[in-house]
Amino acid sequence: MYFIRISTIFCYLQLEVLAVYSGLCREERSQRGFALINTTYTSKIVQRYPDCLDLCLNDPECMSFNFWWNSKKCDLNSKVREHSCGTCFVKDASSTYMGMARYPGYPGKRRL
């Protein structure tokens, strides 16, 4: 029963993000259990993961973010993991990392 409840919540979160933001960050996927450290330029407390996504989408300086599930803290980062030190991308079960695929030279980014 517990597994079904957790699975349902996870699916709901994924569907909510896809429904609201479909097409904006198709090349990127969030990575649960990871965080990018030493690149945060601001942090804010938010209620939900999509609120953190909103903050990053609306800030041109934001290249990625960490959402901390326990504290509901949203870290906006000035870099993505590909452009950070190798030891800056760390495993942390309480965080979800997401890059925004908006930096120059992103491998999947289409040129207009």
N, C-alpha and C. Protein backbone atom coordinates (compact mmCIF):
# COMPACT_ATOMS: atom_id res chain seq x y z
N MET A 1 0.82 -1.20 0.00
CA MET A 1 0.00 0.00 0.00
C MET A 1 0.86 1.26 0.00
N TYR A 2 1.91 1.24 0.82
CA TYR A 2 2.81 2.40 0.89
C TYR A 2 3.47 2.65 -0.47
N PHE A 3 3.93 1.59 -1.14
CA PHE A 3 4.58 1.71 -2.44
C PHE A 3 3.62 2.30 -3.47
N ILE A 4 2.38 1.87 -3.46
CA ILE A 4 1.38 2.38 -4.40
C ILE A 4 1.14 3.87 -4.16
N ARG A 5 1.05 4.27 -2.91
CA ARG A 5 0.83 5.67 -2.58
C ARG A 5 2.01 6.54 -3.04
N ILE A 6 3.23 6.09 -2.79
CA ILE A 6 4.42 6.82 -3.21
C ILE A 6 4.49 6.89 -4.73
N SER A 7 4.20 5.79 -5.41
CA SER A 7 4.21 5.76 -6.87
C SER A 7 3.19 6.73 -7.45
N THR A 8 2.03 6.78 -6.85
CA THR A 8 0.98 7.69 -7.30
C THR A 8 1.40 9.14 -7.14
N ILE A 9 2.00 9.46 -6.02
CA ILE A 9 2.47 10.84 -5.79
C ILE A 9 3.56 11.20 -6.79
N PHE A 10 4.51 10.30 -7.01
CA PHE A 10 5.58 10.56 -7.97
C PHE A 10 5.01 10.79 -9.37
N CYS A 11 4.08 9.94 -9.80
CA CYS A 11 3.47 10.11 -11.13
C CYS A 11 2.72 11.43 -11.22
N TYR A 12 2.04 11.82 -10.18
CA TYR A 12 1.33 13.09 -10.17
C TYR A 12 2.29 14.25 -10.36
N LEU A 13 3.41 14.23 -9.64
CA LEU A 13 4.39 15.31 -9.77
C LEU A 13 4.95 15.38 -11.19
N GLN A 14 5.26 14.24 -11.77
CA GLN A 14 5.78 14.21 -13.13
C GLN A 14 4.74 14.74 -14.11
N LEU A 15 3.49 14.33 -13.98
CA LEU A 15 2.45 14.80 -14.88
C LEU A 15 2.20 16.30 -14.72
N GLU A 16 2.24 16.79 -13.49
CA GLU A 16 2.04 18.21 -13.25
C GLU A 16 3.11 19.03 -13.94
N VAL A 17 4.35 18.62 -13.81
CA VAL A 17 5.46 19.34 -14.45
C VAL A 17 5.33 19.25 -15.97
N LEU A 18 5.00 18.09 -16.50
CA LEU A 18 4.86 17.94 -17.94
C LEU A 18 3.69 18.75 -18.49
N ALA A 19 2.59 18.77 -17.78
CA ALA A 19 1.42 19.51 -18.26
C ALA A 19 1.66 21.01 -18.27
N VAL A 20 2.32 21.51 -17.25
CA VAL A 20 2.51 22.94 -17.13
C VAL A 20 3.66 23.44 -18.01
N TYR A 21 4.72 22.65 -18.12
CA TYR A 21 5.93 23.13 -18.77
C TYR A 21 6.33 22.32 -20.00
N SER A 22 5.39 21.64 -20.64
CA SER A 22 5.75 20.81 -21.79
C SER A 22 6.40 21.67 -22.87
N GLY A 23 7.50 21.17 -23.37
CA GLY A 23 8.19 21.85 -24.45
C GLY A 23 9.25 22.84 -24.02
N LEU A 24 9.28 23.26 -22.78
CA LEU A 24 10.25 24.28 -22.37
C LEU A 24 11.64 23.70 -22.13
N CYS A 25 11.74 22.51 -21.61
CA CYS A 25 13.03 21.93 -21.25
C CYS A 25 13.08 20.48 -21.68
N ARG A 26 12.69 20.19 -22.88
CA ARG A 26 12.59 18.81 -23.32
C ARG A 26 13.89 18.04 -23.23
N GLU A 27 15.01 18.71 -23.43
CA GLU A 27 16.29 18.01 -23.45
C GLU A 27 16.75 17.61 -22.07
N GLU A 28 16.25 18.21 -21.02
CA GLU A 28 16.71 17.96 -19.66
C GLU A 28 15.72 17.12 -18.88
N ARG A 29 16.24 16.36 -17.95
CA ARG A 29 15.44 15.59 -17.02
C ARG A 29 15.92 15.91 -15.62
N SER A 30 14.99 15.96 -14.68
CA SER A 30 15.41 16.18 -13.30
C SER A 30 16.10 14.92 -12.80
N GLN A 31 16.99 15.10 -11.84
CA GLN A 31 17.74 13.99 -11.30
C GLN A 31 17.56 13.93 -9.79
N ARG A 32 16.64 13.09 -9.37
CA ARG A 32 16.35 12.93 -7.95
C ARG A 32 17.55 12.28 -7.27
N GLY A 33 17.90 12.80 -6.11
CA GLY A 33 19.01 12.23 -5.36
C GLY A 33 20.35 12.86 -5.66
N PHE A 34 20.35 14.01 -6.36
CA PHE A 34 21.59 14.71 -6.68
C PHE A 34 21.43 16.20 -6.44
N ALA A 35 22.56 16.87 -6.26
CA ALA A 35 22.57 18.33 -6.10
C ALA A 35 23.87 18.88 -6.69
N LEU A 36 23.80 20.09 -7.20
CA LEU A 36 24.98 20.80 -7.68
C LEU A 36 25.34 21.82 -6.62
N ILE A 37 26.54 21.71 -6.08
CA ILE A 37 26.95 22.61 -5.00
C ILE A 37 27.99 23.60 -5.49
N ASN A 38 28.17 24.67 -4.73
CA ASN A 38 29.15 25.74 -5.00
C ASN A 38 28.84 26.57 -6.24
N THR A 39 27.60 26.56 -6.71
CA THR A 39 27.21 27.40 -7.84
C THR A 39 25.93 28.19 -7.56
N THR A 40 25.41 28.12 -6.34
CA THR A 40 24.15 28.78 -5.98
C THR A 40 24.36 30.28 -5.80
N TYR A 41 23.52 31.08 -6.47
CA TYR A 41 23.60 32.53 -6.29
C TYR A 41 22.43 33.08 -5.48
N THR A 42 21.37 32.31 -5.32
CA THR A 42 20.27 32.71 -4.43
C THR A 42 19.47 31.48 -4.04
N SER A 43 18.84 31.55 -2.88
CA SER A 43 17.99 30.46 -2.39
C SER A 43 16.69 31.06 -1.87
N LYS A 44 15.59 30.34 -2.09
CA LYS A 44 14.29 30.78 -1.61
C LYS A 44 13.52 29.57 -1.11
N ILE A 45 12.64 29.81 -0.17
CA ILE A 45 11.75 28.75 0.31
C ILE A 45 10.50 28.77 -0.57
N VAL A 46 10.14 27.61 -1.10
CA VAL A 46 8.95 27.47 -1.94
C VAL A 46 8.10 26.32 -1.40
N GLN A 47 6.89 26.20 -1.87
CA GLN A 47 6.01 25.14 -1.38
C GLN A 47 6.15 23.83 -2.14
N ARG A 48 6.42 23.93 -3.48
CA ARG A 48 6.42 22.74 -4.31
C ARG A 48 7.56 22.79 -5.33
N TYR A 49 7.92 21.64 -5.86
CA TYR A 49 8.95 21.55 -6.90
C TYR A 49 8.64 22.44 -8.11
N PRO A 50 7.40 22.44 -8.63
CA PRO A 50 7.11 23.31 -9.77
C PRO A 50 7.32 24.80 -9.47
N ASP A 51 7.20 25.21 -8.20
CA ASP A 51 7.47 26.60 -7.85
C ASP A 51 8.94 26.92 -8.04
N CYS A 52 9.80 25.97 -7.74
CA CYS A 52 11.24 26.15 -7.93
C CYS A 52 11.54 26.22 -9.44
N LEU A 53 10.91 25.36 -10.20
CA LEU A 53 11.06 25.39 -11.65
C LEU A 53 10.64 26.74 -12.21
N ASP A 54 9.53 27.27 -11.72
CA ASP A 54 9.06 28.61 -12.14
C ASP A 54 10.10 29.69 -11.86
N LEU A 55 10.67 29.67 -10.65
CA LEU A 55 11.68 30.67 -10.30
C LEU A 55 12.84 30.64 -11.28
N CYS A 56 13.30 29.45 -11.61
CA CYS A 56 14.43 29.32 -12.52
C CYS A 56 14.07 29.74 -13.95
N LEU A 57 12.90 29.31 -14.41
CA LEU A 57 12.47 29.67 -15.76
C LEU A 57 12.35 31.18 -15.94
N ASN A 58 11.95 31.87 -14.90
CA ASN A 58 11.73 33.32 -14.98
C ASN A 58 12.97 34.16 -14.66
N ASP A 59 14.08 33.52 -14.42
CA ASP A 59 15.33 34.23 -14.11
C ASP A 59 16.38 33.87 -15.17
N PRO A 60 16.72 34.81 -16.05
CA PRO A 60 17.67 34.50 -17.13
C PRO A 60 19.05 34.06 -16.64
N GLU A 61 19.40 34.41 -15.42
CA GLU A 61 20.71 34.01 -14.87
C GLU A 61 20.71 32.55 -14.42
N CYS A 62 19.54 31.97 -14.20
CA CYS A 62 19.42 30.61 -13.66
C CYS A 62 19.71 29.59 -14.76
N MET A 63 20.74 28.80 -14.54
CA MET A 63 21.12 27.74 -15.48
C MET A 63 20.69 26.36 -14.98
N SER A 64 20.48 26.24 -13.67
CA SER A 64 20.02 24.98 -13.07
C SER A 64 19.51 25.27 -11.67
N PHE A 65 18.89 24.27 -11.06
CA PHE A 65 18.44 24.46 -9.68
C PHE A 65 18.46 23.15 -8.92
N ASN A 66 18.51 23.28 -7.60
CA ASN A 66 18.34 22.16 -6.67
C ASN A 66 17.08 22.43 -5.87
N PHE A 67 16.23 21.42 -5.75
CA PHE A 67 15.08 21.52 -4.86
C PHE A 67 15.30 20.55 -3.72
N TRP A 68 15.31 21.09 -2.50
CA TRP A 68 15.54 20.30 -1.29
C TRP A 68 14.18 19.94 -0.69
N TRP A 69 13.82 18.66 -0.77
CA TRP A 69 12.48 18.19 -0.39
C TRP A 69 12.17 18.40 1.08
N ASN A 70 13.11 18.20 1.97
CA ASN A 70 12.84 18.31 3.40
C ASN A 70 12.60 19.76 3.84
N SER A 71 13.42 20.67 3.34
CA SER A 71 13.32 22.06 3.77
C SER A 71 12.51 22.94 2.81
N LYS A 72 12.16 22.39 1.63
CA LYS A 72 11.43 23.13 0.58
C LYS A 72 12.26 24.32 0.08
N LYS A 73 13.59 24.19 0.17
CA LYS A 73 14.48 25.26 -0.29
C LYS A 73 14.79 25.06 -1.77
N CYS A 74 14.80 26.16 -2.50
CA CYS A 74 15.10 26.17 -3.92
C CYS A 74 16.39 26.95 -4.12
N ASP A 75 17.44 26.27 -4.57
CA ASP A 75 18.71 26.91 -4.89
C ASP A 75 18.78 27.18 -6.38
N LEU A 76 18.94 28.44 -6.77
CA LEU A 76 19.15 28.77 -8.18
C LEU A 76 20.65 28.82 -8.42
N ASN A 77 21.09 28.11 -9.45
CA ASN A 77 22.51 27.98 -9.76
C ASN A 77 22.89 28.74 -11.02
N SER A 78 24.09 29.27 -11.03
CA SER A 78 24.59 30.03 -12.19
C SER A 78 25.29 29.12 -13.20
N LYS A 79 25.38 27.82 -12.90
CA LYS A 79 26.02 26.87 -13.81
C LYS A 79 25.20 25.59 -13.87
N VAL A 80 25.53 24.77 -14.86
CA VAL A 80 24.98 23.42 -14.95
C VAL A 80 26.09 22.45 -14.59
N ARG A 81 25.73 21.22 -14.35
CA ARG A 81 26.75 20.25 -13.90
C ARG A 81 27.84 20.05 -14.93
N GLU A 82 27.53 20.16 -16.22
CA GLU A 82 28.53 19.97 -17.27
C GLU A 82 29.60 21.05 -17.25
N HIS A 83 29.27 22.22 -16.71
CA HIS A 83 30.21 23.35 -16.66
C HIS A 83 30.71 23.63 -15.25
N SER A 84 30.62 22.65 -14.37
CA SER A 84 31.04 22.81 -12.97
C SER A 84 32.17 21.83 -12.67
N CYS A 85 32.76 22.01 -11.53
CA CYS A 85 33.84 21.09 -11.13
C CYS A 85 33.28 19.68 -10.99
N GLY A 86 34.10 18.70 -11.23
CA GLY A 86 33.68 17.31 -11.17
C GLY A 86 33.14 16.87 -9.83
N THR A 87 33.64 17.48 -8.77
CA THR A 87 33.19 17.10 -7.43
C THR A 87 32.02 17.94 -6.94
N CYS A 88 31.53 18.85 -7.76
CA CYS A 88 30.42 19.73 -7.36
C CYS A 88 29.05 19.06 -7.55
N PHE A 89 28.98 18.01 -8.34
CA PHE A 89 27.72 17.30 -8.55
C PHE A 89 27.74 16.10 -7.61
N VAL A 90 26.93 16.18 -6.55
CA VAL A 90 27.01 15.20 -5.48
C VAL A 90 25.69 14.45 -5.29
N LYS A 91 25.79 13.24 -4.75
CA LYS A 91 24.60 12.48 -4.39
C LYS A 91 24.06 13.03 -3.08
N ASP A 92 22.76 13.27 -3.06
CA ASP A 92 22.09 13.70 -1.83
C ASP A 92 20.62 13.31 -1.96
N ALA A 93 20.20 12.38 -1.15
CA ALA A 93 18.85 11.82 -1.25
C ALA A 93 17.75 12.84 -1.04
N SER A 94 18.06 13.95 -0.38
CA SER A 94 17.01 14.93 -0.09
C SER A 94 16.88 16.02 -1.14
N SER A 95 17.61 15.90 -2.26
CA SER A 95 17.60 16.95 -3.28
C SER A 95 17.25 16.38 -4.65
N THR A 96 16.70 17.26 -5.49
CA THR A 96 16.52 16.97 -6.91
C THR A 96 17.19 18.10 -7.68
N TYR A 97 18.04 17.74 -8.63
CA TYR A 97 18.75 18.70 -9.47
C TYR A 97 18.09 18.74 -10.84
N MET A 98 18.05 19.94 -11.44
CA MET A 98 17.59 20.05 -12.83
C MET A 98 18.33 21.16 -13.53
N GLY A 99 18.93 20.83 -14.67
CA GLY A 99 19.56 21.81 -15.55
C GLY A 99 18.52 22.34 -16.51
N MET A 100 18.71 23.57 -16.98
CA MET A 100 17.68 24.21 -17.79
C MET A 100 17.94 24.17 -19.30
N ALA A 101 19.06 23.63 -19.74
CA ALA A 101 19.34 23.48 -21.18
C ALA A 101 19.27 24.80 -21.92
N ARG A 102 19.72 25.87 -21.28
CA ARG A 102 19.68 27.17 -21.94
C ARG A 102 21.05 27.79 -22.10
N TYR A 103 22.09 27.09 -21.72
CA TYR A 103 23.43 27.65 -21.82
C TYR A 103 23.98 27.46 -23.23
N PRO A 104 24.86 28.34 -23.68
CA PRO A 104 25.44 28.22 -25.03
C PRO A 104 26.21 26.91 -25.17
N GLY A 105 26.03 26.26 -26.29
CA GLY A 105 26.75 25.02 -26.55
C GLY A 105 26.11 23.79 -25.95
N TYR A 106 24.89 23.90 -25.42
CA TYR A 106 24.22 22.73 -24.87
C TYR A 106 24.10 21.68 -25.97
N PRO A 107 24.47 20.43 -25.70
CA PRO A 107 24.52 19.40 -26.76
C PRO A 107 23.21 19.21 -27.52
N GLY A 108 22.07 19.32 -26.88
CA GLY A 108 20.80 19.07 -27.56
C GLY A 108 20.08 20.35 -27.99
N LYS A 109 20.69 21.50 -27.74
CA LYS A 109 20.01 22.77 -28.01
C LYS A 109 19.96 23.05 -29.51
N ARG A 110 18.80 23.41 -29.97
CA ARG A 110 18.62 23.74 -31.38
C ARG A 110 18.96 25.20 -31.62
N ARG A 111 19.60 25.45 -32.73
CA ARG A 111 19.91 26.84 -33.10
C ARG A 111 18.76 27.40 -33.93
N LEU A 112 18.40 28.63 -33.69
CA LEU A 112 17.30 29.26 -34.44
C LEU A 112 17.83 30.02 -35.62
